[in-house]
Amino acid sequence: MLRKVKVENGFIQGLPAADPRITAFKGIPFAAPPVGENRWRAPQAAADWEGTLKAFEFAPISMQARPGVNPDDFYSREWHVDPNVPMDEDNLYLNVWTPASHTDEKLPVYVWIFGGGFQYGYTSEMEFDGERLARRGAIVVTVNYRLNVFGFLGHPEITAEAPDAPTNFGLLDQQAGIEWVKRNIAAFGGDPDNITVGGQSAGGASVMHQLTAPQNEGLFHKAVVLSGVFANVYKSGGIPGSGRTLAEVEEAGVQFFEFMGVSSLEEARALDGEFVREKLLEYQAFWGPVVDKKFVMGNAFELFMENKRLMVPVLLGQTSSEFFGVPEVSSLDAFKELADKLFGADADEFLKLCNFESGDFDTIKQNASIPMIEYAIRVLGKANADTGADMPLYYYNFDPEIPGWDDPGTFHSADLWFFFETLAKCWRPFVGKHYDLAREMSNYLANFIASGDPNGKDVTGEKMPQWNPYTLDAPYGMVFGDKSEFVKEQPNELMTFLVNQTFKNK
């Protein structure tokens, strides 16, 4: 087994995972500490080290609200369980799980980007253990990045100092991590020409940004977007606060500096990181990706629609209970006005599909409710075909019964336990059907990482249900219910209407 490897900055020693056929390397620096003069600056090259780096423990998490302190918080029960997890501004580290015994094995590589609304999250979350995917022959790399105001501040002085990288430091960290993998993964037995980048929630949105960053051409070869592409037909914009222009964020940065009691970038960089974190929490503002026209060229969803993206296979989907778009109106008259505004001459068809004539306002709004991620994916699927992109999209819907006293449904992020096959780490009383489903989902993901096609055999030797690409003629997807099933079912009439309207109005 590869327990000791040499990368560009020196030697690294890892430890056997629970399965001794896998070696885990934790806390590998891929960039210089983003502190002092490197705060609010694009990631800089990591320094060489003497001797052998003992990569035995996860590095500190990025600066954020302290996880695990509220037992009533849903995700504090689910996986943010440790309020004592180390936290530091020096946090640009990654982790590698490899099954390789030799450096020349050229194994496929999966680079994972965690979610958390760009405000929190970390690679050491227990659901992200890469061992189970590594047992299927993939090298798994989890990359940390700067969050919130540390990762997405803008300020006129920063722009003047570094006009080519004025903000989006968190996204640049991710890119630097992928570039490090490209340069170094062969030392772990990986293939630098077979890299898949995946993420969930804000991590999935990050993948969309990486897919649509023009300087990433050739950097990776497949993408996985789990619950990471959103569109609300009834309301413009994506994640609130995200996607602001550089000028808007520069002004917000000036105001934040004033809130911290400083008037210059030099003074702000001299502040203690913990002080900045405390002021961030007190300020209560969202800091996320910025349309800076350098790395983020625009709305990633719209850029993908226009084929302004890396032309690679994409696997994407959602959980069945998350993020529904509902018209934000309070009367029948307002509902009709919104229909007229959005759909013009086709408003009557929309009203009919919502059974507007019934006069039951609550039911009408419920009829109009639409899963935002499914809608976004179907729009991208149609755009992928209409614009002649010859790259497959694989669509899934995660819809099993999730056990627990809280009766959570298929909550946002529930599929992470399954794709990483880490159910045994969860408090929920999962039973055999859940473990069977997780094994299959992890199989599909590992196959996609290897070849861009999720299909293959289970460890039982039986062929898993065929998962075909999403096309206009066959707009179908894999349903991960109590078992895996490829469901050949057309979207409902309202979904079809809304998707078609999206293109009609362009």
Protein backbone atom coordinates (compact mmCIF):
# COMPACT_ATOMS: atom_id res chain seq x y z
CA MET A 1 0.00 0.00 0.00
CA LEU A 2 1.11 3.58 -0.68
CA ARG A 3 1.67 4.82 2.85
CA LYS A 4 4.39 7.35 1.95
CA VAL A 5 4.46 9.49 -1.17
CA LYS A 6 6.40 12.44 -2.55
CA VAL A 7 4.52 15.47 -3.83
CA GLU A 8 5.83 18.80 -5.12
CA ASN A 9 6.53 20.20 -1.64
CA GLY A 10 7.99 17.11 0.04
CA PHE A 11 7.26 13.68 1.45
CA ILE A 12 3.92 12.77 3.06
CA GLN A 13 3.05 9.80 5.24
CA GLY A 14 -0.52 8.53 5.58
CA LEU A 15 -2.26 5.98 7.75
CA PRO A 16 -4.31 2.88 6.99
CA ALA A 17 -8.03 3.60 6.93
CA ALA A 18 -10.47 1.26 8.72
CA ASP A 19 -9.94 -0.95 5.69
CA PRO A 20 -6.13 -1.36 5.61
CA ARG A 21 -6.24 -1.66 1.82
CA ILE A 22 -6.96 2.09 1.79
CA THR A 23 -4.50 4.76 2.86
CA ALA A 24 -5.81 8.07 4.19
CA PHE A 25 -3.68 11.22 3.98
CA LYS A 26 -5.22 14.09 5.95
CA GLY A 27 -4.26 17.73 6.26
CA ILE A 28 -2.06 18.18 3.18
CA PRO A 29 -1.35 21.88 2.47
CA PHE A 30 -2.16 22.80 -1.12
CA ALA A 31 -1.60 26.56 -0.73
CA ALA A 32 0.08 28.96 1.64
CA PRO A 33 -1.85 29.95 4.79
CA PRO A 34 -4.34 32.70 3.81
CA VAL A 35 -3.41 34.91 6.75
CA GLY A 36 -1.83 38.33 7.18
CA GLU A 37 -0.93 39.69 3.76
CA ASN A 38 -2.60 36.65 2.17
CA ARG A 39 -6.00 37.39 3.72
CA TRP A 40 -8.42 38.36 0.93
CA ARG A 41 -5.92 37.36 -1.70
CA ALA A 42 -5.92 34.58 -4.29
CA PRO A 43 -4.31 31.38 -2.95
CA GLN A 44 -0.52 31.44 -3.04
CA ALA A 45 1.88 28.52 -3.52
CA ALA A 46 2.51 26.28 -0.54
CA ALA A 47 6.01 26.21 0.94
CA ASP A 48 8.25 23.16 0.84
CA TRP A 49 8.79 21.27 4.08
CA GLU A 50 11.72 19.32 5.50
CA GLY A 51 11.47 15.66 6.37
CA THR A 52 8.17 13.80 6.13
CA LEU A 53 4.79 15.45 6.77
CA LYS A 54 2.68 13.26 9.06
CA ALA A 55 -0.72 13.53 7.34
CA PHE A 56 -2.61 11.82 10.16
CA GLU A 57 -5.30 14.34 11.16
CA PHE A 58 -7.75 16.69 9.47
CA ALA A 59 -6.62 20.32 9.40
CA PRO A 60 -8.69 23.00 11.17
CA ILE A 61 -11.98 24.00 9.59
CA SER A 62 -12.49 27.40 7.97
CA MET A 63 -13.62 30.38 10.02
CA GLN A 64 -17.40 30.16 10.51
CA ALA A 65 -20.10 29.92 13.15
CA ARG A 66 -19.11 27.28 15.69
CA PRO A 67 -20.76 23.98 14.67
CA GLY A 68 -22.50 21.61 17.03
CA VAL A 69 -23.40 24.12 19.76
CA ASN A 70 -27.19 23.97 19.37
CA PRO A 71 -28.64 20.50 20.05
CA ASP A 72 -31.97 21.62 18.60
CA ASP A 73 -30.39 22.46 15.25
CA PHE A 74 -31.19 19.79 12.65
CA TYR A 75 -27.70 19.51 11.15
CA SER A 76 -26.07 19.65 14.59
CA ARG A 77 -27.88 16.38 15.24
CA GLU A 78 -27.10 15.04 11.79
CA TRP A 79 -23.34 15.63 11.46
CA HIS A 80 -22.18 18.95 12.94
CA VAL A 81 -21.81 17.13 16.22
CA ASP A 82 -18.47 18.37 17.56
CA PRO A 83 -18.37 21.93 18.96
CA ASN A 84 -14.69 21.45 19.75
CA VAL A 85 -13.56 20.80 16.18
CA PRO A 86 -10.41 22.91 15.57
CA MET A 87 -11.01 26.12 13.60
CA ASP A 88 -8.39 28.43 12.14
CA GLU A 89 -7.84 30.96 9.38
CA ASP A 90 -4.93 28.75 8.26
CA ASN A 91 -7.13 26.17 6.55
CA LEU A 92 -6.11 25.52 2.94
CA TYR A 93 -5.59 21.79 3.23
CA LEU A 94 -6.95 18.72 1.48
CA ASN A 95 -7.33 15.02 2.21
CA VAL A 96 -6.72 11.95 0.05
CA TRP A 97 -8.01 8.38 0.28
CA THR A 98 -6.25 6.03 -2.11
CA PRO A 99 -6.53 2.27 -2.72
CA ALA A 100 -3.36 2.25 -4.83
CA SER A 101 -0.38 0.05 -4.08
CA HIS A 102 1.82 1.63 -6.76
CA THR A 103 2.16 5.07 -8.29
CA ASP A 104 1.55 3.86 -11.86
CA GLU A 105 -2.01 2.55 -11.41
CA LYS A 106 -3.72 5.60 -13.00
CA LEU A 107 -6.87 5.33 -10.91
CA PRO A 108 -9.80 7.69 -11.48
CA VAL A 109 -9.96 10.68 -9.15
CA TYR A 110 -12.92 12.31 -7.38
CA VAL A 111 -12.41 15.83 -6.02
CA TRP A 112 -15.16 16.70 -3.54
CA ILE A 113 -16.36 20.20 -2.60
CA PHE A 114 -18.56 20.42 0.49
CA GLY A 115 -21.67 22.55 0.86
CA GLY A 116 -22.97 24.85 3.57
CA GLY A 117 -24.33 27.90 1.79
CA PHE A 118 -20.78 29.29 1.37
CA GLN A 119 -21.05 30.26 5.05
CA TYR A 120 -20.03 27.04 6.82
CA GLY A 121 -19.04 23.41 6.26
CA TYR A 122 -15.79 21.43 6.33
CA THR A 123 -14.05 18.40 4.88
CA SER A 124 -13.98 16.51 8.18
CA GLU A 125 -17.77 16.16 8.33
CA MET A 126 -18.27 12.48 9.04
CA GLU A 127 -20.53 11.82 6.05
CA PHE A 128 -17.65 12.71 3.69
CA ASP A 129 -15.41 9.78 4.61
CA GLY A 130 -13.87 8.75 1.28
CA GLU A 131 -13.04 5.17 2.22
CA ARG A 132 -16.07 3.43 0.72
CA LEU A 133 -15.63 5.06 -2.69
CA ALA A 134 -11.91 4.31 -2.53
CA ARG A 135 -12.75 0.64 -1.99
CA ARG A 136 -14.43 0.81 -5.41
CA GLY A 137 -11.19 1.89 -7.07
CA ALA A 138 -11.46 5.69 -6.98
CA ILE A 139 -9.06 8.10 -5.32
CA VAL A 140 -11.12 10.56 -3.25
CA VAL A 141 -9.84 14.06 -2.50
CA THR A 142 -11.76 16.49 -0.27
CA VAL A 143 -10.72 20.14 -0.58
CA ASN A 144 -11.21 22.87 1.98
CA TYR A 145 -11.83 26.51 1.02
CA ARG A 146 -12.45 29.90 2.60
CA LEU A 147 -16.02 30.79 3.48
CA ASN A 148 -18.26 33.79 4.13
CA VAL A 149 -16.45 37.13 4.46
CA PHE A 150 -13.04 35.41 4.48
CA GLY A 151 -13.78 33.85 1.08
CA PHE A 152 -15.96 36.38 -0.74
CA LEU A 153 -15.22 39.91 0.45
CA GLY A 154 -14.77 42.67 -2.07
CA HIS A 155 -13.25 46.10 -1.51
CA PRO A 156 -11.92 48.83 -3.82
CA GLU A 157 -8.41 48.43 -2.38
CA ILE A 158 -8.43 44.69 -3.05
CA THR A 159 -9.50 45.30 -6.65
CA ALA A 160 -6.77 47.91 -7.12
CA GLU A 161 -4.18 45.55 -5.66
CA ALA A 162 -5.24 42.44 -7.62
CA PRO A 163 -7.59 43.32 -10.50
CA ASP A 164 -7.37 39.79 -11.91
CA ALA A 165 -8.52 38.22 -8.62
CA PRO A 166 -10.51 40.87 -6.72
CA THR A 167 -12.82 38.45 -4.83
CA ASN A 168 -14.22 34.90 -4.99
CA PHE A 169 -11.26 33.66 -2.97
CA GLY A 170 -13.20 30.58 -1.86
CA LEU A 171 -13.81 29.54 -5.47
CA LEU A 172 -10.17 30.24 -6.29
CA ASP A 173 -9.19 28.00 -3.36
CA GLN A 174 -11.25 25.20 -4.89
CA GLN A 175 -9.59 25.75 -8.24
CA ALA A 176 -6.15 25.74 -6.61
CA GLY A 177 -7.02 22.44 -4.93
CA ILE A 178 -8.05 20.89 -8.24
CA GLU A 179 -4.87 22.20 -9.86
CA TRP A 180 -2.83 20.67 -7.02
CA VAL A 181 -4.56 17.36 -7.68
CA LYS A 182 -3.76 17.65 -11.38
CA ARG A 183 -0.06 18.17 -10.59
CA ASN A 184 0.33 15.67 -7.73
CA ILE A 185 -2.27 12.91 -7.84
CA ALA A 186 -0.03 10.54 -9.83
CA ALA A 187 2.05 10.19 -6.65
CA PHE A 188 -1.01 8.57 -5.02
CA GLY A 189 -1.61 6.24 -7.98
CA GLY A 190 -4.12 8.57 -9.65
CA ASP A 191 -4.69 9.59 -13.25
CA PRO A 192 -4.42 13.38 -13.74
CA ASP A 193 -6.30 12.95 -17.00
CA ASN A 194 -9.34 11.36 -15.32
CA ILE A 195 -10.56 13.81 -12.69
CA THR A 196 -14.19 14.25 -11.67
CA VAL A 197 -15.21 17.28 -9.59
CA GLY A 198 -18.29 16.89 -7.42
CA GLY A 199 -20.16 18.80 -4.75
CA GLN A 200 -23.50 19.16 -3.00
CA SER A 201 -25.65 22.21 -2.22
CA ALA A 202 -23.23 25.18 -2.23
CA GLY A 203 -20.60 22.60 -3.19
CA GLY A 204 -22.74 21.70 -6.21
CA ALA A 205 -23.16 25.39 -6.98
CA SER A 206 -19.36 25.64 -6.71
CA VAL A 207 -19.04 22.87 -9.30
CA MET A 208 -21.31 24.91 -11.57
CA HIS A 209 -18.96 27.88 -11.14
CA GLN A 210 -15.94 25.69 -11.83
CA LEU A 211 -17.69 24.33 -14.94
CA THR A 212 -18.33 27.84 -16.25
CA ALA A 213 -14.97 29.42 -15.40
CA PRO A 214 -13.22 29.86 -18.77
CA GLN A 215 -9.71 29.34 -17.35
CA ASN A 216 -10.60 25.80 -16.22
CA GLU A 217 -10.56 24.30 -19.71
CA GLY A 218 -8.98 20.85 -19.49
CA LEU A 219 -8.64 20.95 -15.70
CA PHE A 220 -11.19 18.18 -15.04
CA HIS A 221 -13.16 15.73 -17.10
CA LYS A 222 -16.53 15.00 -15.44
CA ALA A 223 -18.79 16.77 -12.96
CA VAL A 224 -21.27 15.77 -10.25
CA VAL A 225 -23.80 18.38 -9.09
CA LEU A 226 -25.92 17.18 -6.16
CA SER A 227 -28.72 19.59 -5.23
CA GLY A 228 -26.56 22.39 -6.56
CA VAL A 229 -28.43 24.01 -9.43
CA PHE A 230 -31.48 26.12 -8.60
CA ALA A 231 -34.04 28.11 -10.54
CA ASN A 232 -37.35 29.57 -9.38
CA VAL A 233 -39.67 30.26 -12.26
CA TYR A 234 -41.69 32.63 -10.06
CA LYS A 235 -38.81 34.71 -8.78
CA SER A 236 -35.51 35.78 -10.33
CA GLY A 237 -32.15 35.19 -8.72
CA GLY A 238 -30.52 32.23 -7.02
CA ILE A 239 -29.19 31.98 -3.47
CA PRO A 240 -30.12 35.27 -1.76
CA GLY A 241 -27.11 37.57 -1.68
CA SER A 242 -25.11 35.47 -4.12
CA GLY A 243 -24.33 36.66 -7.62
CA ARG A 244 -23.89 40.31 -6.72
CA THR A 245 -21.70 42.45 -8.94
CA LEU A 246 -18.16 43.37 -7.95
CA ALA A 247 -19.20 47.00 -7.44
CA GLU A 248 -21.98 45.95 -5.06
CA VAL A 249 -19.64 43.76 -3.03
CA GLU A 250 -16.95 46.43 -2.96
CA GLU A 251 -19.45 48.79 -1.38
CA ALA A 252 -20.48 46.07 1.08
CA GLY A 253 -16.80 45.58 1.90
CA VAL A 254 -16.35 49.26 2.67
CA GLN A 255 -19.30 49.08 5.04
CA PHE A 256 -17.95 45.94 6.72
CA PHE A 257 -14.56 47.58 7.24
CA GLU A 258 -16.35 50.50 8.91
CA PHE A 259 -18.26 48.04 11.10
CA MET A 260 -14.96 46.51 12.21
CA GLY A 261 -13.52 49.93 12.96
CA VAL A 262 -10.89 50.04 10.21
CA SER A 263 -10.52 52.28 7.19
CA SER A 264 -7.96 50.51 5.03
CA LEU A 265 -7.07 47.07 3.71
CA GLU A 266 -3.78 47.19 5.60
CA GLU A 267 -5.59 47.76 8.89
CA ALA A 268 -8.15 45.04 8.11
CA ARG A 269 -5.44 42.49 7.34
CA ALA A 270 -3.74 43.31 10.63
CA LEU A 271 -6.84 42.35 12.62
CA ASP A 272 -6.90 39.06 14.48
CA GLY A 273 -8.82 36.40 12.53
CA GLU A 274 -11.01 35.53 15.50
CA PHE A 275 -11.99 39.18 15.84
CA VAL A 276 -13.02 39.25 12.16
CA ARG A 277 -15.03 36.06 12.67
CA GLU A 278 -16.85 37.52 15.67
CA LYS A 279 -17.66 40.72 13.76
CA LEU A 280 -18.87 38.61 10.83
CA LEU A 281 -21.33 36.76 13.08
CA GLU A 282 -22.45 40.03 14.63
CA TYR A 283 -22.87 41.68 11.20
CA GLN A 284 -25.14 38.86 9.94
CA ALA A 285 -24.62 39.33 6.21
CA PHE A 286 -24.35 36.75 3.42
CA TRP A 287 -21.08 36.58 1.51
CA GLY A 288 -21.04 34.32 -1.54
CA PRO A 289 -19.92 34.13 -5.17
CA VAL A 290 -19.56 37.47 -6.93
CA VAL A 291 -19.98 38.21 -10.64
CA ASP A 292 -16.49 39.66 -10.97
CA LYS A 293 -16.09 38.99 -14.73
CA LYS A 294 -12.75 37.36 -13.94
CA PHE A 295 -13.65 33.95 -12.51
CA VAL A 296 -17.43 34.21 -12.25
CA MET A 297 -18.52 35.49 -15.65
CA GLY A 298 -22.24 35.54 -14.86
CA ASN A 299 -25.07 33.38 -13.56
CA ALA A 300 -23.68 29.83 -13.75
CA PHE A 301 -27.10 28.36 -14.54
CA GLU A 302 -27.58 30.70 -17.50
CA LEU A 303 -24.01 30.17 -18.72
CA PHE A 304 -24.59 26.40 -18.66
CA MET A 305 -27.80 26.92 -20.66
CA GLU A 306 -25.79 28.79 -23.27
CA ASN A 307 -23.13 26.04 -23.43
CA LYS A 308 -20.56 28.44 -22.02
CA ARG A 309 -19.12 25.67 -19.90
CA LEU A 310 -16.66 22.82 -19.95
CA MET A 311 -18.04 20.17 -22.27
CA VAL A 312 -17.90 17.19 -19.91
CA PRO A 313 -20.44 14.56 -18.78
CA VAL A 314 -22.51 15.69 -15.80
CA LEU A 315 -24.44 13.68 -13.20
CA LEU A 316 -26.96 15.79 -11.31
CA GLY A 317 -30.13 15.53 -9.26
CA GLN A 318 -32.03 16.34 -6.09
CA THR A 319 -33.86 14.97 -3.10
CA SER A 320 -37.61 14.81 -3.46
CA SER A 321 -38.49 17.04 -0.49
CA GLU A 322 -36.22 20.04 -1.01
CA PHE A 323 -36.74 23.58 -2.29
CA PHE A 324 -40.13 24.16 -3.85
CA GLY A 325 -40.91 27.36 -5.71
CA VAL A 326 -44.35 28.80 -4.92
CA PRO A 327 -45.85 32.06 -6.23
CA GLU A 328 -45.37 34.73 -3.56
CA VAL A 329 -48.86 36.22 -3.79
CA SER A 330 -51.67 36.58 -1.27
CA SER A 331 -54.84 36.70 -3.35
CA LEU A 332 -56.46 35.25 -6.46
CA ASP A 333 -56.16 38.59 -8.24
CA ALA A 334 -52.46 38.80 -7.47
CA PHE A 335 -52.00 35.20 -8.68
CA LYS A 336 -53.66 36.07 -12.01
CA GLU A 337 -51.58 39.25 -12.34
CA LEU A 338 -48.40 37.23 -11.81
CA ALA A 339 -49.51 34.72 -14.46
CA ASP A 340 -50.15 37.52 -16.94
CA LYS A 341 -46.76 39.08 -16.17
CA LEU A 342 -44.81 35.83 -16.52
CA PHE A 343 -46.61 34.09 -19.36
CA GLY A 344 -48.46 36.77 -21.35
CA ALA A 345 -50.68 35.21 -23.98
CA ASP A 346 -50.14 31.78 -22.42
CA ALA A 347 -51.31 32.83 -18.96
CA ASP A 348 -54.70 31.14 -19.40
CA GLU A 349 -53.01 27.81 -20.02
CA PHE A 350 -51.00 28.21 -16.82
CA LEU A 351 -54.12 29.12 -14.85
CA LYS A 352 -55.91 26.07 -16.21
CA LEU A 353 -53.03 23.80 -15.20
CA CYS A 354 -53.28 25.24 -11.67
CA ASN A 355 -57.08 24.75 -11.63
CA PHE A 356 -57.58 28.46 -11.11
CA GLU A 357 -61.31 28.19 -11.82
CA SER A 358 -61.78 26.26 -8.57
CA GLY A 359 -61.36 29.49 -6.61
CA ASP A 360 -59.57 27.61 -3.81
CA PHE A 361 -56.56 29.87 -3.32
CA ASP A 362 -54.51 27.54 -1.11
CA THR A 363 -55.02 24.60 -3.47
CA ILE A 364 -54.20 26.74 -6.50
CA LYS A 365 -50.90 27.83 -4.94
CA GLN A 366 -50.14 24.23 -4.06
CA ASN A 367 -50.89 23.18 -7.64
CA ALA A 368 -48.43 25.84 -8.85
CA SER A 369 -45.68 24.62 -6.53
CA ILE A 370 -42.68 23.35 -8.47
CA PRO A 371 -39.45 21.61 -7.35
CA MET A 372 -36.83 24.24 -8.13
CA ILE A 373 -33.93 21.85 -8.69
CA GLU A 374 -35.90 19.49 -10.92
CA TYR A 375 -37.10 22.48 -12.95
CA ALA A 376 -33.53 23.78 -13.30
CA ILE A 377 -32.22 20.38 -14.37
CA ARG A 378 -34.95 19.91 -16.96
CA VAL A 379 -34.19 23.36 -18.36
CA LEU A 380 -30.51 22.46 -18.59
CA GLY A 381 -31.41 19.13 -20.19
CA LYS A 382 -33.42 20.88 -22.89
CA ALA A 383 -30.69 23.47 -23.41
CA ASN A 384 -28.09 20.71 -23.63
CA ALA A 385 -30.05 19.15 -26.49
CA ASP A 386 -31.27 22.32 -28.21
CA THR A 387 -27.78 23.79 -28.44
CA GLY A 388 -26.29 20.60 -29.81
CA ALA A 389 -24.06 19.76 -26.85
CA ASP A 390 -22.89 16.20 -27.32
CA MET A 391 -22.29 15.48 -23.65
CA PRO A 392 -24.49 13.20 -21.54
CA LEU A 393 -26.43 14.40 -18.53
CA TYR A 394 -27.52 11.78 -15.97
CA TYR A 395 -30.47 12.80 -13.79
CA TYR A 396 -31.60 11.30 -10.47
CA ASN A 397 -34.27 11.89 -7.83
CA PHE A 398 -33.55 10.69 -4.29
CA ASP A 399 -36.81 9.45 -2.75
CA PRO A 400 -36.42 6.67 -0.17
CA GLU A 401 -38.03 6.48 3.26
CA ILE A 402 -35.67 8.15 5.75
CA PRO A 403 -36.13 6.81 9.29
CA GLY A 404 -35.94 8.75 12.55
CA TRP A 405 -38.10 10.15 15.31
CA ASP A 406 -38.11 13.51 13.54
CA ASP A 407 -39.82 12.11 10.40
CA PRO A 408 -37.53 14.25 8.19
CA GLY A 409 -38.55 13.17 4.70
CA THR A 410 -35.85 13.24 2.04
CA PHE A 411 -34.32 16.36 3.53
CA HIS A 412 -31.70 18.50 1.80
CA SER A 413 -28.36 16.62 2.00
CA ALA A 414 -29.87 13.25 3.01
CA ASP A 415 -28.38 11.63 -0.10
CA LEU A 416 -24.83 12.30 1.14
CA TRP A 417 -25.03 9.39 3.59
CA PHE A 418 -25.88 7.17 0.62
CA PHE A 419 -23.51 8.35 -2.12
CA PHE A 420 -20.57 8.11 0.30
CA GLU A 421 -22.01 4.91 1.82
CA THR A 422 -21.44 6.22 5.34
CA LEU A 423 -24.78 5.24 6.87
CA ALA A 424 -23.09 3.43 9.75
CA LYS A 425 -21.82 6.80 11.03
CA CYS A 426 -25.37 8.22 11.27
CA TRP A 427 -27.65 8.07 14.32
CA ARG A 428 -30.67 7.17 12.19
CA PRO A 429 -31.98 3.57 12.42
CA PHE A 430 -31.17 2.59 8.86
CA VAL A 431 -32.01 -1.00 7.96
CA GLY A 432 -31.11 -3.43 5.20
CA LYS A 433 -32.94 -1.69 2.35
CA HIS A 434 -31.07 1.53 3.10
CA TYR A 435 -27.70 -0.20 3.07
CA ASP A 436 -28.59 -1.93 -0.21
CA LEU A 437 -29.57 1.42 -1.74
CA ALA A 438 -26.40 3.11 -0.48
CA ARG A 439 -24.27 0.34 -1.95
CA GLU A 440 -25.94 0.79 -5.34
CA MET A 441 -25.75 4.61 -5.27
CA SER A 442 -22.09 4.47 -4.37
CA ASN A 443 -21.57 1.96 -7.18
CA TYR A 444 -23.23 4.26 -9.70
CA LEU A 445 -21.15 7.21 -8.52
CA ALA A 446 -17.89 5.25 -8.63
CA ASN A 447 -18.67 4.04 -12.16
CA PHE A 448 -19.37 7.60 -13.30
CA ILE A 449 -16.11 8.78 -11.71
CA ALA A 450 -14.25 6.07 -13.59
CA SER A 451 -15.79 6.40 -17.04
CA GLY A 452 -18.45 9.10 -17.27
CA ASP A 453 -21.10 6.35 -17.39
CA PRO A 454 -22.76 5.26 -14.09
CA ASN A 455 -23.78 1.83 -15.31
CA GLY A 456 -22.20 -1.45 -14.28
CA LYS A 457 -22.53 -4.46 -12.02
CA ASP A 458 -23.20 -4.71 -8.32
CA VAL A 459 -20.75 -6.62 -6.11
CA THR A 460 -23.26 -9.46 -6.32
CA GLY A 461 -22.31 -9.81 -9.99
CA GLU A 462 -25.77 -8.72 -11.11
CA LYS A 463 -26.16 -5.82 -13.52
CA MET A 464 -27.67 -2.79 -11.82
CA PRO A 465 -30.75 -1.13 -13.38
CA GLN A 466 -29.72 0.67 -16.56
CA TRP A 467 -29.36 4.44 -16.13
CA ASN A 468 -29.73 6.19 -19.47
CA PRO A 469 -28.77 9.82 -20.18
CA TYR A 470 -31.42 12.52 -20.01
CA THR A 471 -32.61 13.54 -23.49
CA LEU A 472 -35.54 15.47 -24.94
CA ASP A 473 -37.06 12.29 -26.32
CA ALA A 474 -36.43 10.44 -23.06
CA PRO A 475 -36.46 12.99 -20.22
CA TYR A 476 -36.14 10.29 -17.61
CA GLY A 477 -34.02 9.72 -14.56
CA MET A 478 -32.96 7.27 -11.92
CA VAL A 479 -35.22 7.21 -8.86
CA PHE A 480 -33.42 6.16 -5.72
CA GLY A 481 -36.39 4.98 -3.67
CA ASP A 482 -36.39 1.92 -1.50
CA LYS A 483 -34.47 0.51 -4.45
CA SER A 484 -32.84 1.92 -7.56
CA GLU A 485 -35.24 2.17 -10.50
CA PHE A 486 -34.93 4.00 -13.81
CA VAL A 487 -38.39 5.50 -14.22
CA LYS A 488 -39.61 6.24 -17.73
CA GLU A 489 -42.19 8.85 -16.84
CA GLN A 490 -42.78 12.18 -18.53
CA PRO A 491 -42.74 15.29 -16.34
CA ASN A 492 -46.18 16.56 -15.41
CA GLU A 493 -47.99 19.06 -17.61
CA LEU A 494 -47.14 22.08 -15.48
CA MET A 495 -43.43 21.23 -15.44
CA THR A 496 -43.46 20.75 -19.22
CA PHE A 497 -45.26 24.07 -19.67
CA LEU A 498 -42.83 25.96 -17.45
CA VAL A 499 -39.72 24.48 -19.09
CA ASN A 500 -41.04 25.35 -22.55
CA GLN A 501 -41.93 28.86 -21.39
CA THR A 502 -38.37 29.38 -20.21
CA PHE A 503 -37.14 29.03 -23.79
CA LYS A 504 -40.09 30.77 -25.38
CA ASN A 505 -39.39 33.91 -23.34
CA LYS A 506 -35.68 34.05 -24.26
